[in-house]
Amino acid sequence: MPKIKTDANNEWIERLPGSIGIGNVRYATSGKCDDSAIIQGTQPVTGITGKVQLALSFNGNIVNSQELKDYMSKNFDNFKYNCDSDIVCHKLLLGFKQGKDLAGAVKDVMECLDGAFSVIGILEDGTFFAFKDAHGIKPLCAGHSQDRQTLVFSSETVSLDMNSFELDFELYPGELVIATKEGFVRQQLVEKPKHAFCAFEYAYFARPDSQFNGKYVYEIREAFGRNIVHENPDVVKECDIIISVPETGDDPAMGVHEASGLRWERASRRHRYVTERAFISLDNERFSTIDKKINILGSKVTGKNVIICEDSIVRGDTTKVIIDKLRKSGVKKVFVFATYPRVIGPCFYGIDMSTYGQLVGAKNGPEEIAKIIGADGVCYLSLEKLVEAIGQPCDQLCLACANGKYPTPLAQKLADTMKQKFLEGHKETKRIYENEENMDKCEKTN
């Protein structure tokens, strides 16, 4: 079988012209959400100006995309906006149009775009490059094949492992890297960048077998679990077993088991063939997706006090459905251990939780949230113990969704402005950074 698979792969590769390729599996956090818009916004995106042709793949989100849409329309007659990838692409092209080289065009992007962006691109002459925003919010790494004949960029190290590549380095904030026949050429375009790596990658988004800063993600998640036990000893004493919300709750559950001595009962199982992700589903689809995806083995929990290990609580929908299933199975008490601090603010950097109204923790404390989701108690890992487990200084992480401190200026102004309106009862109808009225108000305060 392996030989057949290898032969099939080689056959497909031989059909493709050229020696460089890029691809993307990012879900869009800007633009429309209908099928047509999703197809039009598929990456890589391409563009052309003069003799320069560009293909680009992008992970992150641009906060000031509304402002830049008009700007790009004035500079490119054929500009069409499907999502913020088009903004990144045409901002680069504008630099070339103005006579700048690659480094100059990339530096313009870093200086003008408010948001998070890890970018991989190809120019018409075969230049293969990658760069990160000045805060390094989203992950990006570089590696090589065992024979050193192939160089690669990827968001996560696990993709290198799966293809027998070796990791060379993770890109620095504000760094441009070009792949050449002699190897990688690195240029630091932003002096003294302020690191702000997304802490939510550790809790939810990243694969557990990926590495950041020399540590496997699963090891950090296990440390989250151990730390939350130390912070909540009274709850642990009251409980009989642990279950997890698979799969991102599994590693923290291992840590809770190690630190508490309670049995980790594998009584919550994920349906491997239900591939929809509840986190990014539409509101009217989310509950159905969760209900189909997670199965509870009722006889294993009947009559017991249970700790549910959850990676985080964003909307509360997943946890609420699982608790309801546990109640029907006859559990005595249910306590939730959320191994990411309470999410109190939206993300503007590439996670689609973009309004305060989506967040159950935006104006509810742990006791209120417990009532909303049907739990006997909700325990959150503290910011201090989260940072301790990650092993990076607090001021080198983006913790905006948990502490309200955004690393980029426009995101901070938008968050502050809309938080006040939300608390006053204002109903949010769009992503905060896609609402023209919000943007106008923040620009007037500059």
Protein backbone atom coordinates (compact mmCIF):
# COMPACT_ATOMS: atom_id res chain seq x y z
CA MET A 1 0.00 0.00 0.00
CA PRO A 2 2.66 2.64 0.85
CA LYS A 3 4.26 2.11 -2.57
CA ILE A 4 0.94 2.67 -4.37
CA LYS A 5 0.39 5.87 -2.42
CA THR A 6 3.89 7.11 -3.20
CA ASP A 7 3.45 6.33 -6.89
CA ALA A 8 0.13 8.16 -6.94
CA ASN A 9 1.65 11.21 -5.27
CA ASN A 10 4.54 11.27 -7.71
CA GLU A 11 2.13 11.01 -10.61
CA TRP A 12 0.19 14.05 -9.42
CA ILE A 13 3.36 16.03 -8.79
CA GLU A 14 4.63 15.28 -12.31
CA ARG A 15 1.43 16.76 -13.76
CA LEU A 16 2.13 20.11 -12.08
CA PRO A 17 4.45 22.54 -13.87
CA GLY A 18 7.13 24.39 -11.96
CA SER A 19 9.03 23.63 -8.78
CA ILE A 20 7.25 25.86 -6.23
CA GLY A 21 3.76 25.63 -4.79
CA ILE A 22 1.70 27.16 -1.99
CA GLY A 23 -1.65 26.24 -0.49
CA ASN A 24 -3.94 27.22 2.34
CA VAL A 25 -6.56 25.67 4.64
CA ARG A 26 -7.39 28.81 6.63
CA TYR A 27 -11.04 29.67 7.27
CA ALA A 28 -11.92 33.28 6.49
CA THR A 29 -12.47 35.76 9.32
CA SER A 30 -13.41 38.62 7.00
CA GLY A 31 -15.77 39.05 4.08
CA LYS A 32 -19.10 37.28 3.52
CA CYS A 33 -19.76 33.74 4.75
CA ASP A 34 -21.93 32.43 1.89
CA ASP A 35 -20.68 29.67 -0.40
CA SER A 36 -19.94 32.01 -3.31
CA ALA A 37 -17.81 34.35 -1.20
CA ILE A 38 -15.92 31.46 0.37
CA ILE A 39 -15.04 30.07 -3.06
CA GLN A 40 -13.99 33.51 -4.35
CA GLY A 41 -11.83 34.02 -1.27
CA THR A 42 -10.01 30.72 -1.63
CA GLN A 43 -6.25 31.05 -1.31
CA PRO A 44 -3.71 31.50 -2.67
CA VAL A 45 -4.78 34.84 -4.12
CA THR A 46 -3.01 36.30 -7.13
CA GLY A 47 -2.34 39.75 -8.51
CA ILE A 48 -0.31 41.58 -11.13
CA THR A 49 1.12 45.04 -11.64
CA GLY A 50 3.42 45.83 -14.55
CA LYS A 51 5.87 42.95 -14.86
CA VAL A 52 5.37 41.75 -11.30
CA GLN A 53 3.06 38.80 -10.70
CA LEU A 54 2.33 37.58 -7.20
CA ALA A 55 0.67 34.55 -5.58
CA LEU A 56 0.10 34.74 -1.85
CA SER A 57 -1.17 32.62 1.03
CA PHE A 58 -2.05 34.31 4.29
CA ASN A 59 -3.00 33.43 7.87
CA GLY A 60 -4.31 36.08 10.25
CA ASN A 61 -6.67 39.02 9.95
CA ILE A 62 -6.37 42.69 8.94
CA VAL A 63 -8.14 45.08 11.31
CA ASN A 64 -8.04 48.14 9.04
CA SER A 65 -9.22 46.29 5.92
CA GLN A 66 -12.28 48.57 5.49
CA GLU A 67 -10.09 51.66 5.20
CA LEU A 68 -7.65 49.93 2.88
CA LYS A 69 -10.37 48.62 0.54
CA ASP A 70 -11.05 52.16 -0.70
CA TYR A 71 -7.35 52.92 -0.90
CA MET A 72 -6.66 49.85 -3.05
CA SER A 73 -9.61 50.61 -5.31
CA LYS A 74 -8.07 53.99 -6.11
CA ASN A 75 -4.72 52.42 -7.00
CA PHE A 76 -5.89 49.32 -8.91
CA ASP A 77 -8.66 49.55 -11.51
CA ASN A 78 -9.44 45.83 -11.29
CA PHE A 79 -9.32 45.51 -7.51
CA LYS A 80 -11.97 43.22 -6.03
CA TYR A 81 -12.30 42.57 -2.32
CA ASN A 82 -13.39 39.10 -1.21
CA CYS A 83 -11.48 38.92 2.06
CA ASP A 84 -8.45 40.50 3.72
CA SER A 85 -6.04 38.30 1.73
CA ASP A 86 -6.73 40.64 -1.20
CA ILE A 87 -5.62 43.59 0.94
CA VAL A 88 -2.28 41.96 1.78
CA CYS A 89 -1.70 40.96 -1.84
CA HIS A 90 -2.42 44.38 -3.31
CA LYS A 91 -0.53 46.27 -0.64
CA LEU A 92 2.53 44.28 -1.66
CA LEU A 93 1.81 44.96 -5.32
CA LEU A 94 1.49 48.68 -4.58
CA GLY A 95 5.01 48.65 -3.18
CA PHE A 96 6.31 47.09 -6.39
CA LYS A 97 4.26 49.58 -8.42
CA GLN A 98 6.08 52.37 -6.59
CA GLY A 99 9.45 50.91 -7.57
CA LYS A 100 10.36 49.17 -4.31
CA ASP A 101 12.07 45.82 -4.05
CA LEU A 102 10.60 42.87 -2.14
CA ALA A 103 12.02 43.96 1.22
CA GLY A 104 10.71 47.50 0.74
CA ALA A 105 7.24 46.30 -0.27
CA VAL A 106 7.08 43.90 2.68
CA LYS A 107 8.19 46.60 5.10
CA ASP A 108 5.34 48.81 3.83
CA VAL A 109 2.89 46.00 4.62
CA MET A 110 4.31 45.64 8.12
CA GLU A 111 4.01 49.37 8.75
CA CYS A 112 0.57 50.00 7.23
CA LEU A 113 -1.49 46.95 8.16
CA ASP A 114 -2.97 46.74 11.64
CA GLY A 115 -3.50 43.10 12.51
CA ALA A 116 -1.92 39.68 12.33
CA PHE A 117 -0.40 38.21 9.19
CA SER A 118 1.86 35.28 8.48
CA VAL A 119 2.41 35.30 4.73
CA ILE A 120 3.94 32.96 2.15
CA GLY A 121 4.34 34.17 -1.44
CA ILE A 122 5.79 33.52 -4.88
CA LEU A 123 6.88 36.09 -7.45
CA GLU A 124 6.93 35.58 -11.22
CA ASP A 125 10.71 35.11 -11.23
CA GLY A 126 10.48 32.18 -8.82
CA THR A 127 11.27 34.09 -5.63
CA PHE A 128 9.81 32.10 -2.74
CA PHE A 129 9.39 34.12 0.45
CA ALA A 130 7.63 34.40 3.79
CA PHE A 131 7.19 37.04 6.47
CA LYS A 132 5.39 37.77 9.74
CA ASP A 133 3.78 40.90 11.14
CA ALA A 134 5.72 43.09 13.54
CA HIS A 135 4.20 41.34 16.59
CA GLY A 136 4.50 37.76 15.33
CA ILE A 137 0.94 37.01 16.40
CA LYS A 138 0.35 33.94 14.20
CA PRO A 139 2.78 31.02 13.85
CA LEU A 140 5.11 30.43 10.90
CA CYS A 141 8.17 28.22 10.57
CA ALA A 142 10.74 27.12 7.98
CA GLY A 143 12.34 23.78 7.31
CA HIS A 144 14.10 21.57 4.77
CA SER A 145 13.95 18.05 3.33
CA GLN A 146 16.45 15.42 4.42
CA ASP A 147 18.47 15.86 1.22
CA ARG A 148 18.27 19.69 1.61
CA GLN A 149 16.98 19.99 -1.94
CA THR A 150 13.58 21.32 -0.86
CA LEU A 151 12.82 24.27 1.41
CA VAL A 152 9.41 24.78 3.01
CA PHE A 153 7.38 27.24 5.06
CA SER A 154 4.46 26.17 7.23
CA SER A 155 2.23 27.50 10.00
CA GLU A 156 2.97 24.50 12.20
CA THR A 157 5.90 22.14 12.67
CA VAL A 158 3.66 19.07 12.51
CA SER A 159 3.35 19.45 8.73
CA LEU A 160 7.14 19.22 8.49
CA ASP A 161 7.15 16.06 10.61
CA MET A 162 4.46 14.41 8.51
CA ASN A 163 6.46 14.96 5.33
CA SER A 164 9.87 13.96 6.78
CA PHE A 165 11.16 17.54 6.79
CA GLU A 166 13.38 19.03 9.48
CA LEU A 167 12.64 22.25 11.32
CA ASP A 168 15.14 25.07 10.82
CA PHE A 169 13.53 27.94 12.75
CA GLU A 170 10.37 29.83 13.60
CA LEU A 171 10.17 33.24 11.96
CA TYR A 172 10.65 36.28 14.17
CA PRO A 173 8.14 39.12 14.29
CA GLY A 174 8.88 41.59 11.50
CA GLU A 175 11.13 39.15 9.65
CA LEU A 176 11.31 38.45 5.90
CA VAL A 177 12.78 35.11 4.77
CA ILE A 178 13.64 34.19 1.17
CA ALA A 179 14.27 30.61 0.10
CA THR A 180 17.22 30.28 -2.30
CA LYS A 181 19.25 27.41 -3.74
CA GLU A 182 21.86 28.08 -1.07
CA GLY A 183 19.29 28.04 1.77
CA PHE A 184 17.23 30.60 3.67
CA VAL A 185 18.15 34.30 3.62
CA ARG A 186 16.75 36.11 6.67
CA GLN A 187 16.13 39.87 6.93
CA GLN A 188 14.86 41.60 10.06
CA LEU A 189 12.79 44.50 8.72
CA VAL A 190 11.38 45.75 12.03
CA GLU A 191 13.91 46.78 14.65
CA LYS A 192 13.18 45.70 18.23
CA PRO A 193 9.80 44.10 17.44
CA LYS A 194 7.36 43.61 20.31
CA HIS A 195 6.47 39.93 20.47
CA ALA A 196 2.78 39.09 20.99
CA PHE A 197 2.29 35.44 20.04
CA CYS A 198 -1.32 34.23 20.21
CA ALA A 199 -1.84 32.36 23.51
CA PHE A 200 -5.04 30.78 22.16
CA GLU A 201 -2.90 28.72 19.77
CA TYR A 202 -1.68 26.81 22.81
CA ALA A 203 -5.19 26.23 24.14
CA TYR A 204 -7.15 25.33 21.02
CA PHE A 205 -5.92 26.03 17.53
CA ALA A 206 -2.52 24.36 17.23
CA ARG A 207 -2.07 20.64 16.74
CA PRO A 208 -0.91 19.01 20.00
CA ASP A 209 2.10 17.50 18.22
CA SER A 210 3.33 20.87 16.91
CA GLN A 211 6.13 22.80 18.60
CA PHE A 212 6.32 26.47 19.49
CA ASN A 213 9.40 27.95 21.08
CA GLY A 214 10.91 24.49 21.46
CA LYS A 215 7.95 22.96 23.36
CA TYR A 216 5.31 20.52 22.16
CA VAL A 217 1.83 21.97 22.47
CA TYR A 218 0.46 18.88 24.20
CA GLU A 219 3.02 19.24 27.00
CA ILE A 220 1.86 22.79 27.65
CA ARG A 221 -1.79 21.72 27.67
CA GLU A 222 -0.99 19.02 30.20
CA ALA A 223 0.64 21.70 32.35
CA PHE A 224 -2.58 23.74 32.06
CA GLY A 225 -4.42 20.76 33.55
CA ARG A 226 -1.99 20.32 36.42
CA ASN A 227 -2.10 24.01 37.24
CA ILE A 228 -5.89 24.24 37.37
CA VAL A 229 -5.95 21.37 39.87
CA HIS A 230 -3.56 23.25 42.15
CA GLU A 231 -5.85 26.30 41.95
CA ASN A 232 -9.06 24.38 42.76
CA PRO A 233 -8.30 21.67 45.36
CA ASP A 234 -11.75 21.83 47.01
CA VAL A 235 -13.55 21.03 43.75
CA VAL A 236 -11.17 18.13 43.09
CA LYS A 237 -11.94 16.62 46.53
CA GLU A 238 -15.65 16.67 45.74
CA CYS A 239 -15.36 14.79 42.43
CA ASP A 240 -15.13 11.12 41.44
CA ILE A 241 -13.93 11.13 37.84
CA ILE A 242 -12.66 13.33 34.99
CA ILE A 243 -13.97 13.40 31.45
CA SER A 244 -12.73 15.58 28.60
CA VAL A 245 -14.23 17.45 25.69
CA PRO A 246 -12.43 15.68 22.86
CA GLU A 247 -10.00 16.32 21.40
CA THR A 248 -8.49 19.59 22.62
CA GLY A 249 -9.63 18.80 26.15
CA ASP A 250 -7.78 15.48 26.20
CA ASP A 251 -4.30 16.78 26.95
CA PRO A 252 -5.45 19.06 29.79
CA ALA A 253 -7.43 16.10 31.17
CA MET A 254 -4.20 14.12 31.35
CA GLY A 255 -2.69 16.91 33.43
CA VAL A 256 -5.74 17.04 35.72
CA HIS A 257 -5.52 13.27 36.16
CA GLU A 258 -1.82 13.42 37.02
CA ALA A 259 -2.20 16.21 39.56
CA SER A 260 -5.46 15.04 41.16
CA GLY A 261 -5.17 11.25 41.10
CA LEU A 262 -8.78 11.04 39.83
CA ARG A 263 -9.57 8.53 37.13
CA TRP A 264 -9.80 9.95 33.65
CA GLU A 265 -12.88 8.14 32.40
CA ARG A 266 -12.93 8.12 28.63
CA ALA A 267 -16.71 8.42 28.60
CA SER A 268 -16.89 11.28 26.08
CA ARG A 269 -16.10 10.26 22.52
CA ARG A 270 -15.78 12.24 19.32
CA HIS A 271 -17.36 10.92 16.11
CA ARG A 272 -14.44 10.77 13.71
CA TYR A 273 -16.61 11.14 10.61
CA VAL A 274 -18.44 14.29 11.72
CA THR A 275 -15.84 16.73 10.43
CA GLU A 276 -17.66 20.03 10.93
CA ARG A 277 -15.99 22.29 13.52
CA ALA A 278 -18.58 23.68 15.92
CA PHE A 279 -16.33 26.64 16.77
CA ILE A 280 -16.62 28.04 13.26
CA SER A 281 -20.11 26.80 12.39
CA LEU A 282 -23.00 29.16 11.78
CA ASP A 283 -25.20 29.80 14.82
CA ASN A 284 -28.11 27.74 13.49
CA GLU A 285 -25.81 24.76 12.77
CA ARG A 286 -23.68 24.71 15.93
CA PHE A 287 -25.92 22.78 18.33
CA SER A 288 -26.71 20.10 15.76
CA THR A 289 -23.00 19.69 14.97
CA ILE A 290 -22.07 19.35 18.65
CA ASP A 291 -24.87 16.88 19.32
CA LYS A 292 -23.74 14.62 16.48
CA LYS A 293 -20.03 14.99 17.18
CA ILE A 294 -19.83 14.19 20.91
CA ASN A 295 -21.21 10.98 22.41
CA ILE A 296 -21.47 10.38 26.17
CA LEU A 297 -21.25 6.83 27.56
CA GLY A 298 -24.00 7.26 30.11
CA SER A 299 -23.42 4.19 32.29
CA LYS A 300 -19.86 5.34 33.05
CA VAL A 301 -21.00 8.60 34.66
CA THR A 302 -24.29 7.73 36.36
CA GLY A 303 -24.35 8.74 40.02
CA LYS A 304 -20.94 10.41 39.93
CA ASN A 305 -19.57 13.91 40.49
CA VAL A 306 -17.75 14.78 37.28
CA ILE A 307 -15.07 17.26 36.20
CA ILE A 308 -15.27 18.17 32.51
CA CYS A 309 -11.92 19.30 31.09
CA GLU A 310 -12.55 21.93 28.41
CA ASP A 311 -9.85 23.82 26.48
CA SER A 312 -11.83 27.08 26.74
CA ILE A 313 -15.35 28.46 26.94
CA VAL A 314 -16.11 30.91 24.14
CA ARG A 315 -19.82 30.81 23.36
CA GLY A 316 -20.56 28.00 25.82
CA ASP A 317 -22.55 25.99 23.27
CA THR A 318 -20.37 22.86 23.24
CA THR A 319 -20.17 22.64 27.01
CA LYS A 320 -23.90 23.25 27.41
CA VAL A 321 -24.82 20.37 25.08
CA ILE A 322 -22.41 17.99 26.81
CA ILE A 323 -23.66 18.94 30.28
CA ASP A 324 -27.23 18.37 29.15
CA LYS A 325 -26.25 14.88 27.98
CA LEU A 326 -24.53 14.21 31.29
CA ARG A 327 -27.62 15.31 33.23
CA LYS A 328 -29.77 12.91 31.20
CA SER A 329 -27.25 10.18 32.02
CA GLY A 330 -27.79 10.69 35.74
CA VAL A 331 -24.66 12.47 36.96
CA LYS A 332 -24.87 13.98 40.46
CA LYS A 333 -22.76 17.10 39.90
CA VAL A 334 -20.85 18.60 36.99
CA PHE A 335 -17.91 20.99 37.31
CA VAL A 336 -16.14 22.52 34.31
CA PHE A 337 -12.38 23.04 34.33
CA ALA A 338 -11.65 25.53 31.52
CA THR A 339 -7.90 25.53 31.00
CA TYR A 340 -7.89 28.92 29.29
CA PRO A 341 -8.89 32.06 31.24
CA ARG A 342 -12.35 33.54 30.78
CA VAL A 343 -12.71 34.96 27.26
CA ILE A 344 -13.90 38.53 27.78
CA GLY A 345 -13.07 40.22 24.46
CA PRO A 346 -13.26 39.54 20.73
CA CYS A 347 -10.33 38.53 18.58
CA PHE A 348 -9.28 40.77 15.69
CA TYR A 349 -6.34 38.61 14.60
CA GLY A 350 -7.70 35.50 12.89
CA ILE A 351 -10.07 33.69 15.25
CA ASP A 352 -13.71 34.15 14.32
CA MET A 353 -15.00 35.37 17.69
CA SER A 354 -15.32 38.93 16.54
CA THR A 355 -18.12 40.48 18.64
CA TYR A 356 -18.72 40.83 22.37
CA GLY A 357 -22.22 39.37 21.98
CA GLN A 358 -20.78 36.02 20.88
CA LEU A 359 -18.83 35.63 24.12
CA VAL A 360 -20.61 34.19 27.13
CA GLY A 361 -17.83 35.59 29.34
CA ALA A 362 -18.03 39.16 28.03
CA LYS A 363 -20.44 40.27 30.77
CA ASN A 364 -20.93 37.10 32.83
CA GLY A 365 -18.73 35.85 35.64
CA PRO A 366 -18.08 32.17 36.46
CA GLU A 367 -21.24 31.80 38.59
CA GLU A 368 -23.49 33.25 35.88
CA ILE A 369 -21.81 31.15 33.21
CA ALA A 370 -22.32 27.99 35.30
CA LYS A 371 -26.07 28.73 35.36
CA ILE A 372 -26.17 29.42 31.62
CA ILE A 373 -24.47 26.15 30.65
CA GLY A 374 -26.08 24.08 33.41
CA ALA A 375 -22.97 23.32 35.48
CA ASP A 376 -22.63 23.18 39.27
CA GLY A 377 -19.48 25.27 38.93
CA VAL A 378 -17.02 26.68 36.40
CA CYS A 379 -13.32 27.00 37.23
CA TYR A 380 -10.99 28.94 34.95
CA LEU A 381 -7.22 28.65 34.81
CA SER A 382 -5.74 31.96 35.91
CA LEU A 383 -3.74 34.15 33.55
CA GLU A 384 -0.73 33.78 35.81
CA LYS A 385 -0.78 29.97 35.69
CA LEU A 386 -1.48 29.94 31.94
CA VAL A 387 1.61 32.06 31.29
CA GLU A 388 3.66 29.94 33.68
CA ALA A 389 2.77 26.77 31.74
CA ILE A 390 3.53 28.35 28.37
CA GLY A 391 6.96 29.41 29.61
CA GLN A 392 7.11 32.76 27.81
CA PRO A 393 6.94 36.20 29.45
CA CYS A 394 3.45 37.63 29.66
CA ASP A 395 4.50 40.67 27.61
CA GLN A 396 5.50 38.38 24.72
CA LEU A 397 2.02 36.86 24.36
CA CYS A 398 -1.23 38.15 22.91
CA LEU A 399 -3.79 37.60 25.67
CA ALA A 400 -6.23 40.23 24.43
CA CYS A 401 -9.27 37.97 24.48
CA ALA A 402 -8.59 37.26 28.17
CA ASN A 403 -7.25 40.58 29.47
CA GLY A 404 -8.44 43.21 26.96
CA LYS A 405 -4.92 44.37 26.08
CA TYR A 406 -4.53 44.34 22.28
CA PRO A 407 -1.05 44.57 20.74
CA THR A 408 -2.10 46.77 17.80
CA PRO A 409 -3.51 50.31 18.21
CA LEU A 410 -6.62 50.18 16.03
CA ALA A 411 -7.75 46.88 17.53
CA GLN A 412 -7.44 48.39 21.00
CA LYS A 413 -9.51 51.44 20.04
CA LEU A 414 -12.20 49.31 18.42
CA ALA A 415 -12.37 46.97 21.39
CA ASP A 416 -12.65 49.79 23.90
CA THR A 417 -15.28 51.66 21.87
CA MET A 418 -17.48 48.65 21.23
CA LYS A 419 -17.19 47.23 24.74
CA GLN A 420 -18.82 50.33 26.15
CA LYS A 421 -21.59 50.20 23.53
CA PHE A 422 -22.11 46.48 24.20
CA LEU A 423 -22.46 47.04 27.94
CA GLU A 424 -25.00 49.78 27.18
CA GLY A 425 -27.13 47.28 25.23
CA HIS A 426 -25.99 47.98 21.66
CA LYS A 427 -26.72 45.02 19.37
CA GLU A 428 -23.80 43.98 17.16
CA THR A 429 -24.80 43.01 13.63
CA LYS A 430 -21.37 42.61 12.02
CA ARG A 431 -17.83 41.72 12.95
CA ILE A 432 -16.58 44.77 14.83
CA TYR A 433 -13.77 45.50 12.35
CA GLU A 434 -16.15 45.22 9.36
CA ASN A 435 -18.61 47.78 10.65
CA GLU A 436 -18.00 51.09 8.84
CA GLU A 437 -19.62 53.09 11.66
CA ASN A 438 -17.21 51.60 14.21
CA MET A 439 -14.23 52.38 11.99
CA ASP A 440 -15.34 55.98 11.40
CA LYS A 441 -15.66 56.64 15.13
CA CYS A 442 -12.21 55.23 15.87
CA GLU A 443 -10.60 57.20 13.06
CA LYS A 444 -12.10 60.42 14.44
CA THR A 445 -10.46 59.76 17.81
CA ASN A 446 -6.98 59.60 16.23
